[in-house]
Amino acid sequence: MSVTVLYFARMAELVGCREEVVDPMPLDPAQLFRDLDRRHPLGFPRESLRVAVNDRLVAWESPLQPGDVVALIPPVSGG
């Protein structure tokens, strides 16, 4: 059972890809972040990110289901 993780902006550059499949699936986005941060230089503290599951912003403790798509959204600036 797995989830797909989407990376954006600077985080995608640091990780070296825009998406990856994570298997085995973590329990929630918080655990996913901890696991990924051990493997990749994510470059952002969790507190500065938003997380979305299946195109909906969710809390870090929201349970994940097999096949979910998790987007880690870094802070953005612009004008």
PDB file of N, CA and C in Angstrom:
ATOM      1  N   MET A   1       0.850  -1.173   0.000  1.00  0.00           N
ATOM      2  CA  MET A   1       0.000   0.000   0.000  1.00  0.00           C
ATOM      3  C   MET A   1       0.891   1.230   0.000  1.00  0.00           C
ATOM      4  N   SER A   2       0.568   2.187  -0.854  1.00  0.00           N
ATOM      5  CA  SER A   2       1.443   3.331  -1.045  1.00  0.00           C
ATOM      6  C   SER A   2       0.645   4.618  -1.210  1.00  0.00           C
ATOM      7  N   VAL A   3       1.376   5.729  -1.113  1.00  0.00           N
ATOM      8  CA  VAL A   3       0.842   7.055  -1.413  1.00  0.00           C
ATOM      9  C   VAL A   3       1.809   7.727  -2.391  1.00  0.00           C
ATOM     10  N   THR A   4       1.304   8.686  -3.140  1.00  0.00           N
ATOM     11  CA  THR A   4       2.136   9.479  -4.036  1.00  0.00           C
ATOM     12  C   THR A   4       2.365  10.833  -3.394  1.00  0.00           C
ATOM     13  N   VAL A   5       3.617  11.283  -3.409  1.00  0.00           N
ATOM     14  CA  VAL A   5       3.975  12.578  -2.835  1.00  0.00           C
ATOM     15  C   VAL A   5       4.325  13.530  -3.977  1.00  0.00           C
ATOM     16  N   LEU A   6       3.746  14.736  -3.930  1.00  0.00           N
ATOM     17  CA  LEU A   6       4.045  15.780  -4.907  1.00  0.00           C
ATOM     18  C   LEU A   6       4.896  16.851  -4.246  1.00  0.00           C
ATOM     19  N   TYR A   7       5.954  17.274  -4.934  1.00  0.00           N
ATOM     20  CA  TYR A   7       6.833  18.338  -4.451  1.00  0.00           C
ATOM     21  C   TYR A   7       6.708  19.537  -5.377  1.00  0.00           C
ATOM     22  N   PHE A   8       6.833  20.730  -4.809  1.00  0.00           N
ATOM     23  CA  PHE A   8       6.692  21.956  -5.590  1.00  0.00           C
ATOM     24  C   PHE A   8       7.862  22.906  -5.334  1.00  0.00           C
ATOM     25  N   ALA A   9       8.110  23.764  -6.332  1.00  0.00           N
ATOM     26  CA  ALA A   9       9.053  24.882  -6.224  1.00  0.00           C
ATOM     27  C   ALA A   9      10.427  24.402  -5.743  1.00  0.00           C
ATOM     28  N   ARG A  10      10.993  25.113  -4.803  1.00  0.00           N
ATOM     29  CA  ARG A  10      12.347  24.839  -4.303  1.00  0.00           C
ATOM     30  C   ARG A  10      12.468  23.427  -3.724  1.00  0.00           C
ATOM     31  N   MET A  11      11.400  22.938  -3.102  1.00  0.00           N
ATOM     32  CA  MET A  11      11.457  21.598  -2.535  1.00  0.00           C
ATOM     33  C   MET A  11      11.680  20.557  -3.632  1.00  0.00           C
ATOM     34  N   ALA A  12      11.038  20.695  -4.775  1.00  0.00           N
ATOM     35  CA  ALA A  12      11.238  19.760  -5.885  1.00  0.00           C
ATOM     36  C   ALA A  12      12.686  19.815  -6.371  1.00  0.00           C
ATOM     37  N   GLU A  13      13.258  21.001  -6.398  1.00  0.00           N
ATOM     38  CA  GLU A  13      14.659  21.129  -6.805  1.00  0.00           C
ATOM     39  C   GLU A  13      15.582  20.424  -5.819  1.00  0.00           C
ATOM     40  N   LEU A  14      15.330  20.593  -4.529  1.00  0.00           N
ATOM     41  CA  LEU A  14      16.181  19.972  -3.515  1.00  0.00           C
ATOM     42  C   LEU A  14      16.072  18.452  -3.517  1.00  0.00           C
ATOM     43  N   VAL A  15      14.858  17.948  -3.692  1.00  0.00           N
ATOM     44  CA  VAL A  15      14.638  16.505  -3.680  1.00  0.00           C
ATOM     45  C   VAL A  15      15.100  15.871  -4.992  1.00  0.00           C
ATOM     46  N   GLY A  16      14.981  16.611  -6.084  1.00  0.00           N
ATOM     47  CA  GLY A  16      15.412  16.104  -7.384  1.00  0.00           C
ATOM     48  C   GLY A  16      14.307  15.458  -8.200  1.00  0.00           C
ATOM     49  N   CYS A  17      13.057  15.645  -7.761  1.00  0.00           N
ATOM     50  CA  CYS A  17      11.929  15.134  -8.531  1.00  0.00           C
ATOM     51  C   CYS A  17      10.668  15.897  -8.139  1.00  0.00           C
ATOM     52  N   ARG A  18       9.651  15.798  -8.951  1.00  0.00           N
ATOM     53  CA  ARG A  18       8.380  16.463  -8.668  1.00  0.00           C
ATOM     54  C   ARG A  18       7.384  15.543  -7.964  1.00  0.00           C
ATOM     55  N   GLU A  19       7.602  14.241  -8.077  1.00  0.00           N
ATOM     56  CA  GLU A  19       6.721  13.309  -7.376  1.00  0.00           C
ATOM     57  C   GLU A  19       7.434  11.984  -7.170  1.00  0.00           C
ATOM     58  N   GLU A  20       6.966  11.256  -6.164  1.00  0.00           N
ATOM     59  CA  GLU A  20       7.479   9.915  -5.907  1.00  0.00           C
ATOM     60  C   GLU A  20       6.419   9.102  -5.187  1.00  0.00           C
ATOM     61  N   VAL A  21       6.516   7.798  -5.325  1.00  0.00           N
ATOM     62  CA  VAL A  21       5.621   6.883  -4.633  1.00  0.00           C
ATOM     63  C   VAL A  21       6.323   6.394  -3.381  1.00  0.00           C
ATOM     64  N   VAL A  22       5.618   6.458  -2.255  1.00  0.00           N
ATOM     65  CA  VAL A  22       6.163   6.026  -0.975  1.00  0.00           C
ATOM     66  C   VAL A  22       5.454   4.744  -0.553  1.00  0.00           C
ATOM     67  N   ASP A  23       6.246   3.702  -0.341  1.00  0.00           N
ATOM     68  CA  ASP A  23       5.733   2.411   0.074  1.00  0.00           C
ATOM     69  C   ASP A  23       6.757   1.807   1.025  1.00  0.00           C
ATOM     70  N   PRO A  24       6.417   1.456   2.220  1.00  0.00           N
ATOM     71  CA  PRO A  24       5.073   1.358   2.773  1.00  0.00           C
ATOM     72  C   PRO A  24       4.503   2.726   3.119  1.00  0.00           C
ATOM     73  N   MET A  25       3.209   2.760   3.144  1.00  0.00           N
ATOM     74  CA  MET A  25       2.465   3.987   3.375  1.00  0.00           C
ATOM     75  C   MET A  25       2.543   4.383   4.857  1.00  0.00           C
ATOM     76  N   PRO A  26       2.857   5.658   5.157  1.00  0.00           N
ATOM     77  CA  PRO A  26       2.828   6.127   6.542  1.00  0.00           C
ATOM     78  C   PRO A  26       1.390   6.312   7.028  1.00  0.00           C
ATOM     79  N   LEU A  27       1.239   6.483   8.334  1.00  0.00           N
ATOM     80  CA  LEU A  27      -0.094   6.637   8.923  1.00  0.00           C
ATOM     81  C   LEU A  27      -0.734   7.978   8.622  1.00  0.00           C
ATOM     82  N   ASP A  28       0.082   9.046   8.581  1.00  0.00           N
ATOM     83  CA  ASP A  28      -0.448  10.394   8.394  1.00  0.00           C
ATOM     84  C   ASP A  28       0.627  11.270   7.760  1.00  0.00           C
ATOM     85  N   PRO A  29       0.264  12.488   7.307  1.00  0.00           N
ATOM     86  CA  PRO A  29       1.250  13.362   6.684  1.00  0.00           C
ATOM     87  C   PRO A  29       2.418  13.718   7.607  1.00  0.00           C
ATOM     88  N   ALA A  30       2.187  13.801   8.917  1.00  0.00           N
ATOM     89  CA  ALA A  30       3.280  14.120   9.844  1.00  0.00           C
ATOM     90  C   ALA A  30       4.349  13.029   9.804  1.00  0.00           C
ATOM     91  N   GLN A  31       3.921  11.771   9.844  1.00  0.00           N
ATOM     92  CA  GLN A  31       4.879  10.664   9.764  1.00  0.00           C
ATOM     93  C   GLN A  31       5.549  10.644   8.392  1.00  0.00           C
ATOM     94  N   LEU A  32       4.785  10.903   7.351  1.00  0.00           N
ATOM     95  CA  LEU A  32       5.345  10.968   6.004  1.00  0.00           C
ATOM     96  C   LEU A  32       6.447  12.017   5.942  1.00  0.00           C
ATOM     97  N   PHE A  33       6.188  13.207   6.478  1.00  0.00           N
ATOM     98  CA  PHE A  33       7.192  14.269   6.465  1.00  0.00           C
ATOM     99  C   PHE A  33       8.454  13.818   7.198  1.00  0.00           C
ATOM    100  N   ARG A  34       8.298  13.224   8.384  1.00  0.00           N
ATOM    101  CA  ARG A  34       9.474  12.768   9.150  1.00  0.00           C
ATOM    102  C   ARG A  34      10.284  11.753   8.348  1.00  0.00           C
ATOM    103  N   ASP A  35       9.597  10.794   7.720  1.00  0.00           N
ATOM    104  CA  ASP A  35      10.285   9.772   6.930  1.00  0.00           C
ATOM    105  C   ASP A  35      11.014  10.389   5.734  1.00  0.00           C
ATOM    106  N   LEU A  36      10.337  11.283   5.036  1.00  0.00           N
ATOM    107  CA  LEU A  36      10.954  11.918   3.862  1.00  0.00           C
ATOM    108  C   LEU A  36      12.117  12.813   4.252  1.00  0.00           C
ATOM    109  N   ASP A  37      11.977  13.535   5.356  1.00  0.00           N
ATOM    110  CA  ASP A  37      13.031  14.449   5.789  1.00  0.00           C
ATOM    111  C   ASP A  37      14.304  13.685   6.164  1.00  0.00           C
ATOM    112  N   ARG A  38      14.164  12.450   6.582  1.00  0.00           N
ATOM    113  CA  ARG A  38      15.346  11.614   6.863  1.00  0.00           C
ATOM    114  C   ARG A  38      16.042  11.186   5.564  1.00  0.00           C
ATOM    115  N   ARG A  39      15.265  11.013   4.485  1.00  0.00           N
ATOM    116  CA  ARG A  39      15.822  10.524   3.220  1.00  0.00           C
ATOM    117  C   ARG A  39      16.272  11.626   2.279  1.00  0.00           C
ATOM    118  N   HIS A  40      15.629  12.778   2.335  1.00  0.00           N
ATOM    119  CA  HIS A  40      15.883  13.864   1.381  1.00  0.00           C
ATOM    120  C   HIS A  40      16.226  15.152   2.123  1.00  0.00           C
ATOM    121  N   PRO A  41      16.920  16.040   1.449  1.00  0.00           N
ATOM    122  CA  PRO A  41      17.096  17.388   2.006  1.00  0.00           C
ATOM    123  C   PRO A  41      15.875  18.242   1.655  1.00  0.00           C
ATOM    124  N   LEU A  42      14.782  18.112   2.412  1.00  0.00           N
ATOM    125  CA  LEU A  42      13.547  18.828   2.066  1.00  0.00           C
ATOM    126  C   LEU A  42      13.715  20.335   2.110  1.00  0.00           C
ATOM    127  N   GLY A  43      14.586  20.829   2.989  1.00  0.00           N
ATOM    128  CA  GLY A  43      14.913  22.242   2.971  1.00  0.00           C
ATOM    129  C   GLY A  43      13.940  23.160   3.675  1.00  0.00           C
ATOM    130  N   PHE A  44      12.893  22.625   4.268  1.00  0.00           N
ATOM    131  CA  PHE A  44      11.902  23.452   4.953  1.00  0.00           C
ATOM    132  C   PHE A  44      11.484  22.759   6.247  1.00  0.00           C
ATOM    133  N   PRO A  45      11.303  23.528   7.319  1.00  0.00           N
ATOM    134  CA  PRO A  45      10.718  22.919   8.514  1.00  0.00           C
ATOM    135  C   PRO A  45       9.230  22.654   8.279  1.00  0.00           C
ATOM    136  N   ARG A  46       8.711  21.634   8.915  1.00  0.00           N
ATOM    137  CA  ARG A  46       7.299  21.278   8.721  1.00  0.00           C
ATOM    138  C   ARG A  46       6.368  22.446   9.013  1.00  0.00           C
ATOM    139  N   GLU A  47       6.723  23.257  10.002  1.00  0.00           N
ATOM    140  CA  GLU A  47       5.867  24.374  10.407  1.00  0.00           C
ATOM    141  C   GLU A  47       5.667  25.401   9.292  1.00  0.00           C
ATOM    142  N   SER A  48       6.564  25.429   8.315  1.00  0.00           N
ATOM    143  CA  SER A  48       6.439  26.412   7.236  1.00  0.00           C
ATOM    144  C   SER A  48       5.669  25.869   6.033  1.00  0.00           C
ATOM    145  N   LEU A  49       5.293  24.605   6.084  1.00  0.00           N
ATOM    146  CA  LEU A  49       4.616  23.959   4.949  1.00  0.00           C
ATOM    147  C   LEU A  49       3.126  23.810   5.190  1.00  0.00           C
ATOM    148  N   ARG A  50       2.393  23.696   4.102  1.00  0.00           N
ATOM    149  CA  ARG A  50       0.985  23.262   4.120  1.00  0.00           C
ATOM    150  C   ARG A  50       0.966  21.875   3.515  1.00  0.00           C
ATOM    151  N   VAL A  51      -0.021  21.102   3.895  1.00  0.00           N
ATOM    152  CA  VAL A  51      -0.147  19.761   3.330  1.00  0.00           C
ATOM    153  C   VAL A  51      -1.559  19.581   2.788  1.00  0.00           C
ATOM    154  N   ALA A  52      -1.628  18.976   1.609  1.00  0.00           N
ATOM    155  CA  ALA A  52      -2.922  18.675   0.995  1.00  0.00           C
ATOM    156  C   ALA A  52      -2.952  17.192   0.653  1.00  0.00           C
ATOM    157  N   VAL A  53      -4.113  16.597   0.826  1.00  0.00           N
ATOM    158  CA  VAL A  53      -4.327  15.202   0.447  1.00  0.00           C
ATOM    159  C   VAL A  53      -5.495  15.177  -0.532  1.00  0.00           C
ATOM    160  N   ASN A  54      -5.215  14.648  -1.709  1.00  0.00           N
ATOM    161  CA  ASN A  54      -6.243  14.573  -2.762  1.00  0.00           C
ATOM    162  C   ASN A  54      -6.869  15.946  -3.028  1.00  0.00           C
ATOM    163  N   ASP A  55      -6.000  16.958  -3.144  1.00  0.00           N
ATOM    164  CA  ASP A  55      -6.387  18.332  -3.492  1.00  0.00           C
ATOM    165  C   ASP A  55      -7.152  19.070  -2.395  1.00  0.00           C
ATOM    166  N   ARG A  56      -7.087  18.599  -1.161  1.00  0.00           N
ATOM    167  CA  ARG A  56      -7.735  19.292  -0.034  1.00  0.00           C
ATOM    168  C   ARG A  56      -6.713  19.553   1.051  1.00  0.00           C
ATOM    169  N   LEU A  57      -6.634  20.807   1.522  1.00  0.00           N
ATOM    170  CA  LEU A  57      -5.757  21.095   2.646  1.00  0.00           C
ATOM    171  C   LEU A  57      -6.246  20.330   3.864  1.00  0.00           C
ATOM    172  N   VAL A  58      -5.312  19.705   4.579  1.00  0.00           N
ATOM    173  CA  VAL A  58      -5.664  18.879   5.741  1.00  0.00           C
ATOM    174  C   VAL A  58      -4.695  19.173   6.883  1.00  0.00           C
ATOM    175  N   ALA A  59      -5.043  18.683   8.052  1.00  0.00           N
ATOM    176  CA  ALA A  59      -4.151  18.751   9.213  1.00  0.00           C
ATOM    177  C   ALA A  59      -3.066  17.678   9.059  1.00  0.00           C
ATOM    178  N   TRP A  60      -1.935  17.924   9.664  1.00  0.00           N
ATOM    179  CA  TRP A  60      -0.814  16.990   9.588  1.00  0.00           C
ATOM    180  C   TRP A  60      -1.160  15.615  10.176  1.00  0.00           C
ATOM    181  N   GLU A  61      -2.124  15.565  11.067  1.00  0.00           N
ATOM    182  CA  GLU A  61      -2.483  14.315  11.732  1.00  0.00           C
ATOM    183  C   GLU A  61      -3.630  13.575  11.039  1.00  0.00           C
ATOM    184  N   SER A  62      -4.073  14.046   9.895  1.00  0.00           N
ATOM    185  CA  SER A  62      -5.158  13.385   9.156  1.00  0.00           C
ATOM    186  C   SER A  62      -4.693  12.021   8.664  1.00  0.00           C
ATOM    187  N   PRO A  63      -5.506  10.987   8.829  1.00  0.00           N
ATOM    188  CA  PRO A  63      -5.082   9.650   8.387  1.00  0.00           C
ATOM    189  C   PRO A  63      -4.972   9.574   6.869  1.00  0.00           C
ATOM    190  N   LEU A  64      -4.001   8.795   6.421  1.00  0.00           N
ATOM    191  CA  LEU A  64      -3.820   8.556   4.991  1.00  0.00           C
ATOM    192  C   LEU A  64      -4.438   7.224   4.611  1.00  0.00           C
ATOM    193  N   GLN A  65      -4.875   7.140   3.356  1.00  0.00           N
ATOM    194  CA  GLN A  65      -5.462   5.926   2.793  1.00  0.00           C
ATOM    195  C   GLN A  65      -4.609   5.476   1.602  1.00  0.00           C
ATOM    196  N   PRO A  66      -4.597   4.192   1.303  1.00  0.00           N
ATOM    197  CA  PRO A  66      -3.856   3.722   0.132  1.00  0.00           C
ATOM    198  C   PRO A  66      -4.290   4.482  -1.127  1.00  0.00           C
ATOM    199  N   GLY A  67      -3.303   4.889  -1.914  1.00  0.00           N
ATOM    200  CA  GLY A  67      -3.572   5.586  -3.167  1.00  0.00           C
ATOM    201  C   GLY A  67      -3.718   7.091  -3.034  1.00  0.00           C
ATOM    202  N   ASP A  68      -3.683   7.626  -1.810  1.00  0.00           N
ATOM    203  CA  ASP A  68      -3.783   9.082  -1.638  1.00  0.00           C
ATOM    204  C   ASP A  68      -2.636   9.793  -2.336  1.00  0.00           C
ATOM    205  N   VAL A  69      -2.906  11.033  -2.755  1.00  0.00           N
ATOM    206  CA  VAL A  69      -1.885  11.906  -3.324  1.00  0.00           C
ATOM    207  C   VAL A  69      -1.669  13.028  -2.330  1.00  0.00           C
ATOM    208  N   VAL A  70      -0.442  13.119  -1.830  1.00  0.00           N
ATOM    209  CA  VAL A  70      -0.093  14.091  -0.784  1.00  0.00           C
ATOM    210  C   VAL A  70       0.799  15.158  -1.393  1.00  0.00           C
ATOM    211  N   ALA A  71       0.390  16.411  -1.272  1.00  0.00           N
ATOM    212  CA  ALA A  71       1.177  17.532  -1.767  1.00  0.00           C
ATOM    213  C   ALA A  71       1.796  18.269  -0.590  1.00  0.00           C
ATOM    214  N   LEU A  72       3.114  18.416  -0.620  1.00  0.00           N
ATOM    215  CA  LEU A  72       3.816  19.226   0.369  1.00  0.00           C
ATOM    216  C   LEU A  72       4.034  20.595  -0.254  1.00  0.00           C
ATOM    217  N   ILE A  73       3.413  21.611   0.321  1.00  0.00           N
ATOM    218  CA  ILE A  73       3.373  22.929  -0.304  1.00  0.00           C
ATOM    219  C   ILE A  73       4.241  23.896   0.485  1.00  0.00           C
ATOM    220  N   PRO A  74       5.379  24.315  -0.093  1.00  0.00           N
ATOM    221  CA  PRO A  74       6.260  25.249   0.600  1.00  0.00           C
ATOM    222  C   PRO A  74       5.707  26.672   0.528  1.00  0.00           C
ATOM    223  N   PRO A  75       6.236  27.558   1.376  1.00  0.00           N
ATOM    224  CA  PRO A  75       5.798  28.947   1.301  1.00  0.00           C
ATOM    225  C   PRO A  75       6.177  29.547  -0.055  1.00  0.00           C
ATOM    226  N   VAL A  76       5.332  30.426  -0.550  1.00  0.00           N
ATOM    227  CA  VAL A  76       5.606  31.086  -1.824  1.00  0.00           C
ATOM    228  C   VAL A  76       5.491  32.586  -1.635  1.00  0.00           C
ATOM    229  N   SER A  77       6.191  33.291  -2.476  1.00  0.00           N
ATOM    230  CA  SER A  77       6.062  34.739  -2.456  1.00  0.00           C
ATOM    231  C   SER A  77       5.906  35.207  -3.882  1.00  0.00           C
ATOM    232  N   GLY A  78       5.420  36.353  -4.029  1.00  0.00           N
ATOM    233  CA  GLY A  78       5.233  36.875  -5.369  1.00  0.00           C
ATOM    234  C   GLY A  78       4.507  38.213  -5.312  1.00  0.00           C
ATOM    235  N   GLY A  79       4.272  38.753  -6.439  1.00  0.00           N
ATOM    236  CA  GLY A  79       3.624  40.050  -6.448  1.00  0.00           C
ATOM    237  C   GLY A  79       2.575  40.135  -7.499  1.00  0.00           C
TER     238      GLY A  79
END
